Amino acid sequence: MSRNVLSAHFHPAVASAAGVPAAEDGGFQAPGTSDFYWPLIGGDNNWAITRPSVVLLLSVALLGWFFVTAAGRLSLVPTKRQFLVEGAYGFVRNSIGRDVIGEREFRPFLPLLFTVFTMILLNNVFGIVPFVQFPTMSRVAFPIVLTLVVYVTYHVVAIRKKHGVVSYFKSLVPAGLPGWLVPIMFVLEVATYFFIRPLTLALRLFGNMLAGHLMLLVFILGGEYLLLHGGNVLLAFSGVMSFAFSILMTFFELLVEFLQAFIFTILTALYLADAVSESH
């Protein structure tokens, strides 16, 4: 976050200039979800170009440049960039694609899995990169769009595997059930495959990135407020400790950012494995 917006949490005059509401008594105002909407252009109720949109476009440009330039300079003895790309690709290919989907079926889905993993990981890591410091996936629209891509792919693959929409929907209900139980199971399976699974896939990523960024903001902003406006040595010391803890939590947040990219990708692979399985 920029210095003006950081200071806006403490000083009413700065808050007014920055467009961020300050606490009524001029004291510390805890960060909230309003800090995740920063219109750069526009900002009315109809449209806006926001900071997370710019960060997402930046991530696409960076990933495209990085992979294209790395692929254009391949060598027998890999450079650092080639080593990094091959390591990431091998991790997604072997540990996620082949192990989860299976040796026979995983190759067509590798581009999707690799793109999802690297894109989510980079956008998550942006949350702790100086001068960016914003996890794009803390805006719920982005996880929802990624989930839609995954589930459109999932259902298209499953329908093709079952040779038609009717056969696909019939396969949702296990064979051999009593007649009275079939409609109940059908409704439950439709709810699971079309609503519950995609909803949880998107909200898991969104919730973790939102909570992690808010946690870091609380410790950093709270530490600054205690250090500069605490009024006594004990509170100033508490501010220093808050800063120290925020550094520790930054490393923990980095681990969470990687895990969330991994979890989203491995769940994508699990759902695709279900789509291509004969028992689906």
C-alpha atoms as a PDB file:
ATOM      1  CA  MET A   1       0.000   0.000   0.000  1.00  0.00           C
ATOM      2  CA  SER A   2       1.200   3.557  -0.646  1.00  0.00           C
ATOM      3  CA  ARG A   3       2.398   5.785   2.152  1.00  0.00           C
ATOM      4  CA  ASN A   4      -0.605   8.107   1.858  1.00  0.00           C
ATOM      5  CA  VAL A   5      -3.047   5.277   2.358  1.00  0.00           C
ATOM      6  CA  LEU A   6      -1.001   3.871   5.248  1.00  0.00           C
ATOM      7  CA  SER A   7      -1.004   7.235   6.955  1.00  0.00           C
ATOM      8  CA  ALA A   8      -4.695   7.662   6.276  1.00  0.00           C
ATOM      9  CA  HIS A   9      -5.375   5.085   8.941  1.00  0.00           C
ATOM     10  CA  PHE A  10      -3.971   7.433  11.569  1.00  0.00           C
ATOM     11  CA  HIS A  11      -4.429  11.062  10.515  1.00  0.00           C
ATOM     12  CA  PRO A  12      -7.900  12.398   9.642  1.00  0.00           C
ATOM     13  CA  ALA A  13      -6.539  15.153   7.375  1.00  0.00           C
ATOM     14  CA  VAL A  14      -4.469  12.710   5.341  1.00  0.00           C
ATOM     15  CA  ALA A  15      -7.365  10.264   5.309  1.00  0.00           C
ATOM     16  CA  SER A  16      -9.670  12.846   3.806  1.00  0.00           C
ATOM     17  CA  ALA A  17      -7.141  13.740   1.108  1.00  0.00           C
ATOM     18  CA  ALA A  18      -6.523  10.086   0.275  1.00  0.00           C
ATOM     19  CA  GLY A  19     -10.193   9.235   0.173  1.00  0.00           C
ATOM     20  CA  VAL A  20      -9.908   6.787   3.084  1.00  0.00           C
ATOM     21  CA  PRO A  21     -12.196   7.296   6.100  1.00  0.00           C
ATOM     22  CA  ALA A  22     -10.421   7.947   9.389  1.00  0.00           C
ATOM     23  CA  ALA A  23     -11.628   7.044  12.833  1.00  0.00           C
ATOM     24  CA  GLU A  24     -13.901   9.673  14.357  1.00  0.00           C
ATOM     25  CA  ASP A  25     -11.519  10.360  17.253  1.00  0.00           C
ATOM     26  CA  GLY A  26      -8.460  10.549  15.004  1.00  0.00           C
ATOM     27  CA  GLY A  27      -7.089   7.298  16.447  1.00  0.00           C
ATOM     28  CA  PHE A  28      -6.161   4.027  14.826  1.00  0.00           C
ATOM     29  CA  GLN A  29      -8.569   2.672  12.245  1.00  0.00           C
ATOM     30  CA  ALA A  30      -8.197  -1.021  11.536  1.00  0.00           C
ATOM     31  CA  PRO A  31      -7.904  -1.924   7.846  1.00  0.00           C
ATOM     32  CA  GLY A  32     -10.936  -3.443   6.190  1.00  0.00           C
ATOM     33  CA  THR A  33     -12.247  -4.684   2.887  1.00  0.00           C
ATOM     34  CA  SER A  34     -12.465  -1.101   1.571  1.00  0.00           C
ATOM     35  CA  ASP A  35      -8.669  -1.168   1.280  1.00  0.00           C
ATOM     36  CA  PHE A  36      -9.033  -3.807  -1.459  1.00  0.00           C
ATOM     37  CA  TYR A  37     -10.844  -1.503  -3.902  1.00  0.00           C
ATOM     38  CA  TRP A  38      -8.626   1.137  -5.431  1.00  0.00           C
ATOM     39  CA  PRO A  39     -10.062   2.685  -8.585  1.00  0.00           C
ATOM     40  CA  LEU A  40      -7.266   4.141 -10.703  1.00  0.00           C
ATOM     41  CA  ILE A  41      -9.511   5.278 -13.560  1.00  0.00           C
ATOM     42  CA  GLY A  42     -13.256   5.676 -13.266  1.00  0.00           C
ATOM     43  CA  GLY A  43     -14.571   4.531  -9.919  1.00  0.00           C
ATOM     44  CA  ASP A  44     -18.294   5.133 -10.350  1.00  0.00           C
ATOM     45  CA  ASN A  45     -20.907   2.426 -10.026  1.00  0.00           C
ATOM     46  CA  ASN A  46     -20.587   1.381 -13.665  1.00  0.00           C
ATOM     47  CA  TRP A  47     -16.916   0.662 -14.256  1.00  0.00           C
ATOM     48  CA  ALA A  48     -13.391   1.301 -13.049  1.00  0.00           C
ATOM     49  CA  ILE A  49      -9.831   0.260 -13.840  1.00  0.00           C
ATOM     50  CA  THR A  50      -8.629  -0.848 -10.444  1.00  0.00           C
ATOM     51  CA  ARG A  51      -5.239  -1.626  -8.940  1.00  0.00           C
ATOM     52  CA  PRO A  52      -5.818  -5.427  -8.892  1.00  0.00           C
ATOM     53  CA  SER A  53      -6.787  -5.306 -12.581  1.00  0.00           C
ATOM     54  CA  VAL A  54      -3.516  -3.591 -13.413  1.00  0.00           C
ATOM     55  CA  VAL A  55      -1.581  -6.073 -11.242  1.00  0.00           C
ATOM     56  CA  LEU A  56      -3.238  -9.016 -13.016  1.00  0.00           C
ATOM     57  CA  LEU A  57      -2.373  -7.618 -16.452  1.00  0.00           C
ATOM     58  CA  LEU A  58       1.173  -7.035 -15.233  1.00  0.00           C
ATOM     59  CA  SER A  59       1.412 -10.668 -14.107  1.00  0.00           C
ATOM     60  CA  VAL A  60       0.245 -11.902 -17.528  1.00  0.00           C
ATOM     61  CA  ALA A  61       2.850  -9.746 -19.261  1.00  0.00           C
ATOM     62  CA  LEU A  62       5.618 -10.863 -16.903  1.00  0.00           C
ATOM     63  CA  LEU A  63       4.788 -14.562 -17.220  1.00  0.00           C
ATOM     64  CA  GLY A  64       4.538 -14.341 -21.008  1.00  0.00           C
ATOM     65  CA  TRP A  65       7.861 -12.536 -21.289  1.00  0.00           C
ATOM     66  CA  PHE A  66       9.576 -14.867 -18.823  1.00  0.00           C
ATOM     67  CA  PHE A  67       8.489 -18.132 -20.449  1.00  0.00           C
ATOM     68  CA  VAL A  68       8.947 -16.965 -24.052  1.00  0.00           C
ATOM     69  CA  THR A  69      12.464 -15.685 -23.423  1.00  0.00           C
ATOM     70  CA  ALA A  70      13.374 -18.798 -21.423  1.00  0.00           C
ATOM     71  CA  ALA A  71      12.087 -21.124 -24.168  1.00  0.00           C
ATOM     72  CA  GLY A  72      14.015 -19.190 -26.809  1.00  0.00           C
ATOM     73  CA  ARG A  73      17.369 -19.731 -25.103  1.00  0.00           C
ATOM     74  CA  LEU A  74      17.391 -23.403 -24.209  1.00  0.00           C
ATOM     75  CA  SER A  75      20.762 -25.001 -23.623  1.00  0.00           C
ATOM     76  CA  LEU A  76      22.150 -28.345 -22.558  1.00  0.00           C
ATOM     77  CA  VAL A  77      23.495 -26.746 -19.388  1.00  0.00           C
ATOM     78  CA  PRO A  78      20.437 -24.831 -18.168  1.00  0.00           C
ATOM     79  CA  THR A  79      20.671 -21.206 -17.151  1.00  0.00           C
ATOM     80  CA  LYS A  80      19.061 -20.060 -13.913  1.00  0.00           C
ATOM     81  CA  ARG A  81      15.919 -19.002 -15.773  1.00  0.00           C
ATOM     82  CA  GLN A  82      15.710 -22.290 -17.692  1.00  0.00           C
ATOM     83  CA  PHE A  83      16.313 -24.223 -14.481  1.00  0.00           C
ATOM     84  CA  LEU A  84      13.470 -22.338 -12.768  1.00  0.00           C
ATOM     85  CA  VAL A  85      11.047 -22.892 -15.647  1.00  0.00           C
ATOM     86  CA  GLU A  86      11.919 -26.568 -15.986  1.00  0.00           C
ATOM     87  CA  GLY A  87      11.591 -27.052 -12.231  1.00  0.00           C
ATOM     88  CA  ALA A  88       8.148 -25.421 -12.118  1.00  0.00           C
ATOM     89  CA  TYR A  89       6.980 -27.331 -15.194  1.00  0.00           C
ATOM     90  CA  GLY A  90       8.317 -30.620 -13.855  1.00  0.00           C
ATOM     91  CA  PHE A  91       6.598 -30.042 -10.528  1.00  0.00           C
ATOM     92  CA  VAL A  92       3.214 -29.415 -12.159  1.00  0.00           C
ATOM     93  CA  ARG A  93       3.697 -32.187 -14.728  1.00  0.00           C
ATOM     94  CA  ASN A  94       4.832 -34.947 -12.401  1.00  0.00           C
ATOM     95  CA  SER A  95       3.546 -34.094  -8.937  1.00  0.00           C
ATOM     96  CA  ILE A  96       0.134 -32.788 -10.008  1.00  0.00           C
ATOM     97  CA  GLY A  97      -0.765 -33.766 -13.573  1.00  0.00           C
ATOM     98  CA  ARG A  98       0.626 -37.290 -13.915  1.00  0.00           C
ATOM     99  CA  ASP A  99       0.176 -38.381 -10.290  1.00  0.00           C
ATOM    100  CA  VAL A 100      -3.401 -37.108  -9.985  1.00  0.00           C
ATOM    101  CA  ILE A 101      -4.937 -37.472 -13.457  1.00  0.00           C
ATOM    102  CA  GLY A 102      -2.924 -40.490 -14.554  1.00  0.00           C
ATOM    103  CA  GLU A 103      -0.239 -41.353 -17.075  1.00  0.00           C
ATOM    104  CA  ARG A 104      -2.671 -41.894 -19.964  1.00  0.00           C
ATOM    105  CA  GLU A 105      -4.858 -38.805 -19.612  1.00  0.00           C
ATOM    106  CA  PHE A 106      -2.846 -35.959 -18.087  1.00  0.00           C
ATOM    107  CA  ARG A 107      -1.000 -34.467 -21.088  1.00  0.00           C
ATOM    108  CA  PRO A 108      -3.881 -32.494 -22.696  1.00  0.00           C
ATOM    109  CA  PHE A 109      -4.467 -30.700 -19.380  1.00  0.00           C
ATOM    110  CA  LEU A 110      -0.861 -29.675 -18.693  1.00  0.00           C
ATOM    111  CA  PRO A 111      -1.164 -26.198 -20.289  1.00  0.00           C
ATOM    112  CA  LEU A 112      -4.190 -25.421 -18.139  1.00  0.00           C
ATOM    113  CA  LEU A 113      -2.621 -26.757 -14.939  1.00  0.00           C
ATOM    114  CA  PHE A 114       0.698 -24.990 -15.512  1.00  0.00           C
ATOM    115  CA  THR A 115      -0.991 -21.695 -16.381  1.00  0.00           C
ATOM    116  CA  VAL A 116      -3.289 -21.839 -13.360  1.00  0.00           C
ATOM    117  CA  PHE A 117      -0.456 -22.681 -10.971  1.00  0.00           C
ATOM    118  CA  THR A 118       2.028 -20.041 -12.156  1.00  0.00           C
ATOM    119  CA  MET A 119      -0.589 -17.314 -12.553  1.00  0.00           C
ATOM    120  CA  ILE A 120      -2.082 -17.817  -9.093  1.00  0.00           C
ATOM    121  CA  LEU A 121       1.346 -18.142  -7.487  1.00  0.00           C
ATOM    122  CA  LEU A 122       2.689 -14.927  -9.013  1.00  0.00           C
ATOM    123  CA  ASN A 123      -0.452 -12.954  -8.192  1.00  0.00           C
ATOM    124  CA  ASN A 124      -0.384 -14.270  -4.612  1.00  0.00           C
ATOM    125  CA  VAL A 125       3.298 -13.407  -4.179  1.00  0.00           C
ATOM    126  CA  PHE A 126       2.553  -9.871  -5.376  1.00  0.00           C
ATOM    127  CA  GLY A 127       0.967  -9.430  -1.942  1.00  0.00           C
ATOM    128  CA  ILE A 128       4.405  -9.173  -0.313  1.00  0.00           C
ATOM    129  CA  VAL A 129       6.393  -7.601  -3.176  1.00  0.00           C
ATOM    130  CA  PRO A 130       7.395  -3.998  -2.370  1.00  0.00           C
ATOM    131  CA  PHE A 131       5.653  -1.266  -4.391  1.00  0.00           C
ATOM    132  CA  VAL A 132       2.950  -3.751  -5.415  1.00  0.00           C
ATOM    133  CA  GLN A 133       1.865  -5.320  -2.119  1.00  0.00           C
ATOM    134  CA  PHE A 134      -1.502  -6.507  -3.315  1.00  0.00           C
ATOM    135  CA  PRO A 135      -2.617 -10.148  -3.699  1.00  0.00           C
ATOM    136  CA  THR A 136      -4.844 -10.054  -6.764  1.00  0.00           C
ATOM    137  CA  MET A 137      -6.798 -13.100  -5.625  1.00  0.00           C
ATOM    138  CA  SER A 138      -8.057 -11.155  -2.609  1.00  0.00           C
ATOM    139  CA  ARG A 139     -10.597  -9.676  -5.046  1.00  0.00           C
ATOM    140  CA  VAL A 140     -13.225 -12.395  -5.334  1.00  0.00           C
ATOM    141  CA  ALA A 141     -13.943 -11.781  -9.040  1.00  0.00           C
ATOM    142  CA  PHE A 142     -10.559 -13.196 -10.081  1.00  0.00           C
ATOM    143  CA  PRO A 143     -10.890 -16.576  -8.292  1.00  0.00           C
ATOM    144  CA  ILE A 144     -14.439 -16.822  -9.652  1.00  0.00           C
ATOM    145  CA  VAL A 145     -13.243 -16.352 -13.251  1.00  0.00           C
ATOM    146  CA  LEU A 146     -10.473 -18.936 -12.800  1.00  0.00           C
ATOM    147  CA  THR A 147     -12.992 -21.351 -11.308  1.00  0.00           C
ATOM    148  CA  LEU A 148     -15.330 -20.819 -14.255  1.00  0.00           C
ATOM    149  CA  VAL A 149     -12.480 -21.685 -16.646  1.00  0.00           C
ATOM    150  CA  VAL A 150     -11.774 -24.864 -14.671  1.00  0.00           C
ATOM    151  CA  TYR A 151     -15.402 -25.947 -14.488  1.00  0.00           C
ATOM    152  CA  VAL A 152     -16.265 -25.206 -18.089  1.00  0.00           C
ATOM    153  CA  THR A 153     -13.292 -27.411 -19.023  1.00  0.00           C
ATOM    154  CA  TYR A 154     -14.400 -30.055 -16.522  1.00  0.00           C
ATOM    155  CA  HIS A 155     -17.972 -30.298 -17.802  1.00  0.00           C
ATOM    156  CA  VAL A 156     -16.960 -30.211 -21.487  1.00  0.00           C
ATOM    157  CA  VAL A 157     -14.491 -33.055 -20.912  1.00  0.00           C
ATOM    158  CA  ALA A 158     -17.040 -35.057 -18.901  1.00  0.00           C
ATOM    159  CA  ILE A 159     -19.773 -34.611 -21.529  1.00  0.00           C
ATOM    160  CA  ARG A 160     -17.415 -35.747 -24.294  1.00  0.00           C
ATOM    161  CA  LYS A 161     -16.339 -38.719 -22.206  1.00  0.00           C
ATOM    162  CA  LYS A 162     -19.973 -39.753 -21.749  1.00  0.00           C
ATOM    163  CA  HIS A 163     -20.808 -39.050 -25.421  1.00  0.00           C
ATOM    164  CA  GLY A 164     -23.535 -36.503 -24.772  1.00  0.00           C
ATOM    165  CA  VAL A 165     -25.312 -34.304 -22.248  1.00  0.00           C
ATOM    166  CA  VAL A 166     -28.017 -36.852 -21.413  1.00  0.00           C
ATOM    167  CA  SER A 167     -25.526 -39.624 -20.703  1.00  0.00           C
ATOM    168  CA  TYR A 168     -23.463 -37.211 -18.637  1.00  0.00           C
ATOM    169  CA  PHE A 169     -26.361 -36.283 -16.369  1.00  0.00           C
ATOM    170  CA  LYS A 170     -27.361 -39.940 -16.066  1.00  0.00           C
ATOM    171  CA  SER A 171     -23.846 -40.756 -14.867  1.00  0.00           C
ATOM    172  CA  LEU A 172     -24.240 -38.382 -11.930  1.00  0.00           C
ATOM    173  CA  VAL A 173     -26.476 -40.928 -10.187  1.00  0.00           C
ATOM    174  CA  PRO A 174     -24.830 -44.245  -9.204  1.00  0.00           C
ATOM    175  CA  ALA A 175     -26.430 -47.336 -10.688  1.00  0.00           C
ATOM    176  CA  GLY A 176     -28.439 -49.683  -8.514  1.00  0.00           C
ATOM    177  CA  LEU A 177     -30.143 -47.131  -6.281  1.00  0.00           C
ATOM    178  CA  PRO A 178     -33.796 -47.559  -5.233  1.00  0.00           C
ATOM    179  CA  GLY A 179     -36.169 -45.615  -7.441  1.00  0.00           C
ATOM    180  CA  TRP A 180     -37.279 -43.236  -4.690  1.00  0.00           C
ATOM    181  CA  LEU A 181     -33.660 -42.299  -3.959  1.00  0.00           C
ATOM    182  CA  VAL A 182     -32.687 -41.449  -7.557  1.00  0.00           C
ATOM    183  CA  PRO A 183     -34.217 -37.931  -7.727  1.00  0.00           C
ATOM    184  CA  ILE A 184     -32.755 -37.033  -4.313  1.00  0.00           C
ATOM    185  CA  MET A 185     -29.276 -38.161  -5.339  1.00  0.00           C
ATOM    186  CA  PHE A 186     -29.619 -36.390  -8.680  1.00  0.00           C
ATOM    187  CA  VAL A 187     -30.399 -33.056  -6.994  1.00  0.00           C
ATOM    188  CA  LEU A 188     -27.530 -33.513  -4.526  1.00  0.00           C
ATOM    189  CA  GLU A 189     -25.051 -34.406  -7.273  1.00  0.00           C
ATOM    190  CA  VAL A 190     -26.115 -31.477  -9.459  1.00  0.00           C
ATOM    191  CA  ALA A 191     -25.745 -29.133  -6.481  1.00  0.00           C
ATOM    192  CA  THR A 192     -22.303 -30.585  -5.728  1.00  0.00           C
ATOM    193  CA  TYR A 193     -20.877 -30.511  -9.248  1.00  0.00           C
ATOM    194  CA  PHE A 194     -22.437 -27.247 -10.430  1.00  0.00           C
ATOM    195  CA  PHE A 195     -22.531 -25.097  -7.283  1.00  0.00           C
ATOM    196  CA  ILE A 196     -20.795 -26.367  -4.145  1.00  0.00           C
ATOM    197  CA  ARG A 197     -17.480 -27.488  -5.647  1.00  0.00           C
ATOM    198  CA  PRO A 198     -16.878 -24.383  -7.793  1.00  0.00           C
ATOM    199  CA  LEU A 199     -18.029 -22.098  -4.970  1.00  0.00           C
ATOM    200  CA  THR A 200     -15.664 -23.637  -2.434  1.00  0.00           C
ATOM    201  CA  LEU A 201     -12.804 -23.694  -4.953  1.00  0.00           C
ATOM    202  CA  ALA A 202     -13.109 -19.947  -5.540  1.00  0.00           C
ATOM    203  CA  LEU A 203     -13.856 -18.898  -1.953  1.00  0.00           C
ATOM    204  CA  ARG A 204     -10.969 -20.921  -0.484  1.00  0.00           C
ATOM    205  CA  LEU A 205      -8.424 -18.998  -2.548  1.00  0.00           C
ATOM    206  CA  PHE A 206     -10.158 -15.657  -2.062  1.00  0.00           C
ATOM    207  CA  GLY A 207     -10.615 -16.055   1.701  1.00  0.00           C
ATOM    208  CA  ASN A 208      -7.014 -17.038   2.378  1.00  0.00           C
ATOM    209  CA  MET A 209      -5.571 -14.169   0.365  1.00  0.00           C
ATOM    210  CA  LEU A 210      -7.951 -11.626   1.885  1.00  0.00           C
ATOM    211  CA  ALA A 211      -7.341 -12.786   5.453  1.00  0.00           C
ATOM    212  CA  GLY A 212      -3.568 -12.979   5.030  1.00  0.00           C
ATOM    213  CA  HIS A 213      -3.291  -9.480   3.586  1.00  0.00           C
ATOM    214  CA  LEU A 214      -5.549  -8.023   6.274  1.00  0.00           C
ATOM    215  CA  MET A 215      -3.469  -9.722   8.961  1.00  0.00           C
ATOM    216  CA  LEU A 216      -0.249  -8.196   7.631  1.00  0.00           C
ATOM    217  CA  LEU A 217      -1.909  -4.778   7.395  1.00  0.00           C
ATOM    218  CA  VAL A 218      -3.075  -4.976  11.007  1.00  0.00           C
ATOM    219  CA  PHE A 219       0.398  -5.755  12.333  1.00  0.00           C
ATOM    220  CA  ILE A 220       2.190  -3.209  10.139  1.00  0.00           C
ATOM    221  CA  LEU A 221      -0.297  -0.362  10.557  1.00  0.00           C
ATOM    222  CA  GLY A 222      -0.862  -1.134  14.204  1.00  0.00           C
ATOM    223  CA  GLY A 223       2.887  -1.266  14.825  1.00  0.00           C
ATOM    224  CA  GLU A 224       3.377   2.108  13.148  1.00  0.00           C
ATOM    225  CA  TYR A 225       0.566   3.648  15.161  1.00  0.00           C
ATOM    226  CA  LEU A 226       1.887   2.305  18.487  1.00  0.00           C
ATOM    227  CA  LEU A 227       5.433   3.379  17.661  1.00  0.00           C
ATOM    228  CA  LEU A 228       4.566   6.918  16.560  1.00  0.00           C
ATOM    229  CA  HIS A 229       1.450   7.666  18.596  1.00  0.00           C
ATOM    230  CA  GLY A 230       1.559   5.265  21.544  1.00  0.00           C
ATOM    231  CA  GLY A 231       2.551   7.924  24.037  1.00  0.00           C
ATOM    232  CA  ASN A 232       4.764   5.790  26.280  1.00  0.00           C
ATOM    233  CA  VAL A 233       7.726   3.434  26.109  1.00  0.00           C
ATOM    234  CA  LEU A 234       5.674   0.275  26.629  1.00  0.00           C
ATOM    235  CA  LEU A 235       3.375   0.984  23.690  1.00  0.00           C
ATOM    236  CA  ALA A 236       6.335   2.001  21.528  1.00  0.00           C
ATOM    237  CA  PHE A 237       8.011  -1.304  22.385  1.00  0.00           C
ATOM    238  CA  SER A 238       4.776  -3.086  21.473  1.00  0.00           C
ATOM    239  CA  GLY A 239       4.918  -1.321  18.115  1.00  0.00           C
ATOM    240  CA  VAL A 240       8.456  -2.591  17.508  1.00  0.00           C
ATOM    241  CA  MET A 241       7.346  -6.111  18.422  1.00  0.00           C
ATOM    242  CA  SER A 242       4.386  -5.778  16.055  1.00  0.00           C
ATOM    243  CA  PHE A 243       6.763  -4.861  13.225  1.00  0.00           C
ATOM    244  CA  ALA A 244       8.999  -7.822  14.095  1.00  0.00           C
ATOM    245  CA  PHE A 245       6.012 -10.166  14.121  1.00  0.00           C
ATOM    246  CA  SER A 246       4.857  -8.797  10.756  1.00  0.00           C
ATOM    247  CA  ILE A 247       8.212  -9.851   9.265  1.00  0.00           C
ATOM    248  CA  LEU A 248       7.704 -13.356  10.633  1.00  0.00           C
ATOM    249  CA  MET A 249       4.147 -13.445   9.329  1.00  0.00           C
ATOM    250  CA  THR A 250       5.362 -12.300   5.902  1.00  0.00           C
ATOM    251  CA  PHE A 251       7.359 -15.519   5.560  1.00  0.00           C
ATOM    252  CA  PHE A 252       4.346 -17.478   6.785  1.00  0.00           C
ATOM    253  CA  GLU A 253       2.182 -15.664   4.243  1.00  0.00           C
ATOM    254  CA  LEU A 254       4.631 -16.633   1.495  1.00  0.00           C
ATOM    255  CA  LEU A 255       4.126 -20.277   2.447  1.00  0.00           C
ATOM    256  CA  VAL A 256       0.342 -19.811   2.383  1.00  0.00           C
ATOM    257  CA  GLU A 257       0.554 -18.144  -1.035  1.00  0.00           C
ATOM    258  CA  PHE A 258       2.397 -21.141  -2.461  1.00  0.00           C
ATOM    259  CA  LEU A 259       0.062 -23.618  -0.772  1.00  0.00           C
ATOM    260  CA  GLN A 260      -3.042 -21.876  -2.103  1.00  0.00           C
ATOM    261  CA  ALA A 261      -1.687 -21.988  -5.662  1.00  0.00           C
ATOM    262  CA  PHE A 262      -0.831 -25.666  -5.164  1.00  0.00           C
ATOM    263  CA  ILE A 263      -4.205 -26.528  -3.597  1.00  0.00           C
ATOM    264  CA  PHE A 264      -6.183 -24.778  -6.349  1.00  0.00           C
ATOM    265  CA  THR A 265      -4.153 -26.568  -9.031  1.00  0.00           C
ATOM    266  CA  ILE A 266      -4.280 -30.002  -7.437  1.00  0.00           C
ATOM    267  CA  LEU A 267      -8.055 -29.689  -6.915  1.00  0.00           C
ATOM    268  CA  THR A 268      -8.350 -28.722 -10.572  1.00  0.00           C
ATOM    269  CA  ALA A 269      -6.429 -31.883 -11.448  1.00  0.00           C
ATOM    270  CA  LEU A 270      -8.654 -33.971  -9.167  1.00  0.00           C
ATOM    271  CA  TYR A 271     -11.800 -32.649 -10.818  1.00  0.00           C
ATOM    272  CA  LEU A 272     -10.363 -33.267 -14.293  1.00  0.00           C
ATOM    273  CA  ALA A 273      -9.371 -36.776 -13.227  1.00  0.00           C
ATOM    274  CA  ASP A 274     -12.977 -37.329 -12.184  1.00  0.00           C
ATOM    275  CA  ALA A 275     -14.176 -36.041 -15.571  1.00  0.00           C
ATOM    276  CA  VAL A 276     -12.041 -38.501 -17.557  1.00  0.00           C
ATOM    277  CA  SER A 277     -12.594 -41.492 -15.277  1.00  0.00           C
ATOM    278  CA  GLU A 278     -14.790 -44.322 -16.502  1.00  0.00           C
ATOM    279  CA  SER A 279     -16.783 -44.387 -13.261  1.00  0.00           C
ATOM    280  CA  HIS A 280     -17.939 -40.772 -13.556  1.00  0.00           C
END
